[in-house]
N, C-alpha and C. Protein backbone atom coordinates (compact mmCIF):
# COMPACT_ATOMS: atom_id res chain seq x y z
N MET A 1 73.04 148.53 110.98
CA MET A 1 74.07 148.87 111.92
C MET A 1 73.89 148.05 113.20
N ILE A 2 75.00 147.64 113.80
CA ILE A 2 74.97 146.85 115.02
C ILE A 2 74.83 147.79 116.21
N LYS A 3 73.87 147.44 117.07
CA LYS A 3 73.67 148.24 118.27
C LYS A 3 74.73 147.88 119.30
N GLN A 4 74.94 148.78 120.25
CA GLN A 4 75.92 148.52 121.31
C GLN A 4 75.49 147.36 122.19
N SER A 5 74.21 147.23 122.42
CA SER A 5 73.72 146.13 123.27
C SER A 5 73.94 144.78 122.57
N ASP A 6 73.77 144.75 121.23
CA ASP A 6 74.02 143.52 120.47
C ASP A 6 75.50 143.17 120.50
N LEU A 7 76.34 144.17 120.37
CA LEU A 7 77.79 143.95 120.40
C LEU A 7 78.22 143.47 121.79
N ALA A 8 77.67 144.04 122.83
CA ALA A 8 78.01 143.62 124.19
C ALA A 8 77.53 142.18 124.44
N MET A 9 76.34 141.84 123.96
CA MET A 9 75.82 140.48 124.11
C MET A 9 76.68 139.49 123.34
N LEU A 10 77.14 139.85 122.16
CA LEU A 10 77.99 139.00 121.34
C LEU A 10 79.34 138.76 122.04
N ILE A 11 79.93 139.78 122.59
CA ILE A 11 81.20 139.64 123.32
C ILE A 11 81.00 138.78 124.56
N LEU A 12 79.88 138.93 125.25
CA LEU A 12 79.59 138.12 126.44
C LEU A 12 79.43 136.65 126.08
N VAL A 13 78.70 136.36 125.02
CA VAL A 13 78.49 134.97 124.60
C VAL A 13 79.82 134.34 124.15
N ILE A 14 80.62 135.10 123.43
CA ILE A 14 81.92 134.59 122.97
C ILE A 14 82.84 134.31 124.16
N SER A 15 82.87 135.19 125.12
CA SER A 15 83.75 134.99 126.27
C SER A 15 83.29 133.82 127.13
N ILE A 16 81.99 133.65 127.31
CA ILE A 16 81.47 132.51 128.08
C ILE A 16 81.79 131.20 127.34
N SER A 17 81.63 131.21 126.02
CA SER A 17 81.94 130.02 125.22
C SER A 17 83.42 129.69 125.30
N LEU A 18 84.26 130.69 125.28
CA LEU A 18 85.71 130.48 125.35
C LEU A 18 86.10 129.87 126.69
N VAL A 19 85.56 130.40 127.78
CA VAL A 19 85.89 129.87 129.11
C VAL A 19 85.35 128.45 129.26
N ALA A 20 84.13 128.20 128.80
CA ALA A 20 83.53 126.87 128.90
C ALA A 20 84.32 125.86 128.08
N SER A 21 84.71 126.22 126.86
CA SER A 21 85.47 125.28 126.02
C SER A 21 86.85 125.01 126.60
N PHE A 22 87.44 125.99 127.26
CA PHE A 22 88.74 125.78 127.89
C PHE A 22 88.64 124.74 129.00
N PHE A 23 87.64 124.87 129.87
CA PHE A 23 87.50 123.93 130.99
C PHE A 23 87.06 122.54 130.52
N ILE A 24 86.18 122.48 129.54
CA ILE A 24 85.75 121.19 129.01
C ILE A 24 86.92 120.50 128.30
N GLY A 25 87.67 121.25 127.52
CA GLY A 25 88.83 120.67 126.85
C GLY A 25 89.90 120.22 127.82
N ASP A 26 90.10 120.97 128.87
CA ASP A 26 91.08 120.59 129.88
C ASP A 26 90.65 119.33 130.62
N ALA A 27 89.35 119.16 130.81
CA ALA A 27 88.86 117.96 131.49
C ALA A 27 88.93 116.73 130.60
N LEU A 28 88.73 116.88 129.30
CA LEU A 28 88.69 115.74 128.39
C LEU A 28 90.07 115.32 127.87
N ILE A 29 90.94 116.26 127.65
CA ILE A 29 92.25 115.95 127.08
C ILE A 29 93.24 115.67 128.20
N ASN A 30 94.01 114.59 128.03
CA ASN A 30 95.00 114.23 129.05
C ASN A 30 96.13 115.23 129.08
N THR A 31 96.63 115.43 130.26
CA THR A 31 97.81 116.28 130.41
C THR A 31 99.05 115.41 130.24
N PRO A 32 100.21 115.98 129.96
CA PRO A 32 101.42 115.17 129.78
C PRO A 32 101.76 114.31 131.00
N GLU A 33 101.37 114.72 132.19
CA GLU A 33 101.65 113.93 133.38
C GLU A 33 100.83 112.64 133.40
N ASN A 34 99.64 112.67 132.80
CA ASN A 34 98.77 111.49 132.80
C ASN A 34 99.02 110.57 131.61
N ARG A 35 99.94 110.88 130.74
CA ARG A 35 100.17 110.10 129.54
C ARG A 35 101.26 109.05 129.73
N SER A 36 101.24 108.33 130.79
CA SER A 36 102.24 107.29 130.99
C SER A 36 101.58 105.93 130.83
N SER A 37 102.35 104.96 130.36
CA SER A 37 101.83 103.61 130.19
C SER A 37 102.95 102.62 130.42
N GLN A 38 102.57 101.40 130.71
CA GLN A 38 103.53 100.34 130.93
C GLN A 38 103.73 99.58 129.62
N VAL A 39 104.97 99.33 129.26
CA VAL A 39 105.28 98.58 128.05
C VAL A 39 106.21 97.43 128.38
N GLU A 40 106.17 96.40 127.53
CA GLU A 40 107.05 95.27 127.73
C GLU A 40 108.45 95.63 127.27
N VAL A 41 109.42 95.10 127.97
CA VAL A 41 110.81 95.30 127.57
C VAL A 41 111.20 94.09 126.73
N VAL A 42 111.67 94.36 125.52
CA VAL A 42 112.03 93.29 124.60
C VAL A 42 113.50 92.99 124.74
N SER A 43 113.81 91.70 124.81
CA SER A 43 115.22 91.32 124.90
C SER A 43 115.87 91.47 123.52
N PRO A 44 117.13 91.83 123.47
CA PRO A 44 117.80 92.01 122.18
C PRO A 44 117.95 90.69 121.43
N ILE A 45 118.00 90.79 120.12
CA ILE A 45 118.16 89.61 119.27
C ILE A 45 119.62 89.18 119.32
N SER A 46 119.83 87.89 119.53
CA SER A 46 121.21 87.41 119.61
C SER A 46 121.74 87.12 118.21
N PRO A 47 123.01 87.27 117.98
CA PRO A 47 123.58 87.03 116.65
C PRO A 47 123.75 85.54 116.35
N GLU A 48 123.47 84.68 117.32
CA GLU A 48 123.62 83.25 117.12
C GLU A 48 122.44 82.71 116.31
N PHE A 49 122.73 81.82 115.36
CA PHE A 49 121.70 81.22 114.52
C PHE A 49 121.53 79.77 114.92
N ILE A 50 120.34 79.40 115.32
CA ILE A 50 120.06 78.02 115.71
C ILE A 50 119.56 77.28 114.46
N GLN A 51 120.15 76.16 114.17
CA GLN A 51 119.78 75.37 112.99
C GLN A 51 118.35 74.84 113.15
N PRO A 52 117.56 74.87 112.07
CA PRO A 52 116.18 74.37 112.15
C PRO A 52 116.15 72.85 112.30
N SER A 53 115.02 72.35 112.68
CA SER A 53 114.86 70.92 112.90
C SER A 53 115.02 70.15 111.59
N THR A 54 115.77 69.07 111.63
CA THR A 54 115.95 68.24 110.42
C THR A 54 114.73 67.39 110.16
N ASP A 55 113.78 67.32 111.08
CA ASP A 55 112.53 66.61 110.82
C ASP A 55 111.71 67.32 109.75
N ILE A 56 111.79 68.62 109.73
CA ILE A 56 111.02 69.42 108.77
C ILE A 56 111.88 69.83 107.59
N PHE A 57 113.07 70.32 107.84
CA PHE A 57 113.95 70.82 106.79
C PHE A 57 114.99 69.75 106.46
N ASN A 58 114.69 68.93 105.46
CA ASN A 58 115.63 67.89 105.05
C ASN A 58 115.62 67.75 103.53
N GLU A 59 116.39 66.82 102.99
CA GLU A 59 116.50 66.64 101.53
C GLU A 59 115.21 66.17 100.91
N ASN A 60 114.39 65.44 101.64
CA ASN A 60 113.17 64.85 101.09
C ASN A 60 111.95 65.74 101.27
N ALA A 61 112.10 66.91 101.84
CA ALA A 61 110.97 67.81 102.06
C ALA A 61 110.50 68.40 100.74
N ILE A 62 109.24 68.83 100.69
CA ILE A 62 108.66 69.43 99.49
C ILE A 62 109.21 70.83 99.32
N ASN A 63 109.61 71.17 98.09
CA ASN A 63 110.13 72.50 97.79
C ASN A 63 108.97 73.37 97.32
N PRO A 64 108.51 74.35 98.08
CA PRO A 64 107.35 75.16 97.67
C PRO A 64 107.66 76.12 96.53
N THR A 65 108.92 76.32 96.20
CA THR A 65 109.25 77.24 95.11
C THR A 65 109.35 76.54 93.77
N GLU A 66 109.18 75.22 93.74
CA GLU A 66 109.29 74.45 92.50
C GLU A 66 108.02 74.64 91.68
N THR A 67 108.15 74.80 90.36
CA THR A 67 107.01 74.97 89.47
C THR A 67 106.28 73.64 89.33
N ILE A 68 104.96 73.70 89.44
CA ILE A 68 104.14 72.49 89.35
C ILE A 68 103.37 72.54 88.04
N LYS A 69 103.46 71.48 87.24
CA LYS A 69 102.76 71.41 85.97
C LYS A 69 101.74 70.29 86.07
N ILE A 70 100.49 70.61 85.79
CA ILE A 70 99.41 69.64 85.84
C ILE A 70 98.94 69.38 84.42
N GLY A 71 98.98 68.13 83.96
CA GLY A 71 98.51 67.75 82.63
C GLY A 71 99.57 68.01 81.56
N ASN A 72 99.13 67.88 80.28
CA ASN A 72 100.04 68.03 79.15
C ASN A 72 99.74 69.29 78.35
N SER A 73 99.15 70.28 78.94
CA SER A 73 98.77 71.49 78.24
C SER A 73 100.00 72.36 77.94
N ASN A 74 100.08 72.83 76.69
CA ASN A 74 101.15 73.75 76.30
C ASN A 74 100.64 75.19 76.20
N GLN A 75 99.46 75.43 76.68
CA GLN A 75 98.83 76.74 76.57
C GLN A 75 99.42 77.69 77.60
N ASN A 76 99.76 78.92 77.16
CA ASN A 76 100.34 79.91 78.06
C ASN A 76 99.30 80.79 78.73
N GLN A 77 98.12 80.92 78.11
CA GLN A 77 97.06 81.76 78.66
C GLN A 77 96.25 80.97 79.68
N PRO A 78 95.96 81.52 80.83
CA PRO A 78 95.26 80.75 81.86
C PRO A 78 93.80 80.45 81.55
N PHE A 79 93.14 81.29 80.72
CA PHE A 79 91.72 81.11 80.43
C PHE A 79 91.47 80.86 78.95
N GLY A 80 92.42 80.37 78.22
CA GLY A 80 92.23 80.08 76.81
C GLY A 80 92.50 81.29 75.94
N ASN A 81 92.15 81.16 74.67
CA ASN A 81 92.41 82.23 73.71
C ASN A 81 91.18 83.03 73.40
N ASP A 82 90.19 83.09 74.29
CA ASP A 82 88.98 83.89 74.06
C ASP A 82 89.33 85.36 74.10
N THR A 83 89.09 86.05 73.01
CA THR A 83 89.33 87.51 72.95
C THR A 83 88.02 88.20 72.61
N ASN A 84 86.95 87.84 73.29
CA ASN A 84 85.64 88.45 73.02
C ASN A 84 85.60 89.85 73.45
């Protein structure tokens, strides 16, 4: 059975812990008034399209989407037909 003195001590410890955690939490956590920051303002995107430079994008430029075949291999498997 719990004695009255033990119960009173338990309530005292709980209440002290509650008050201490309230003040510590209030000191550590920012309040809504302190949560302001400066951000850059981004200019809106214009609907105008500027043509890319013809020095880079021209008829003689390399097409990176073109399939490149090296050698005369007709093999479809990249590592041969080993099925070990």
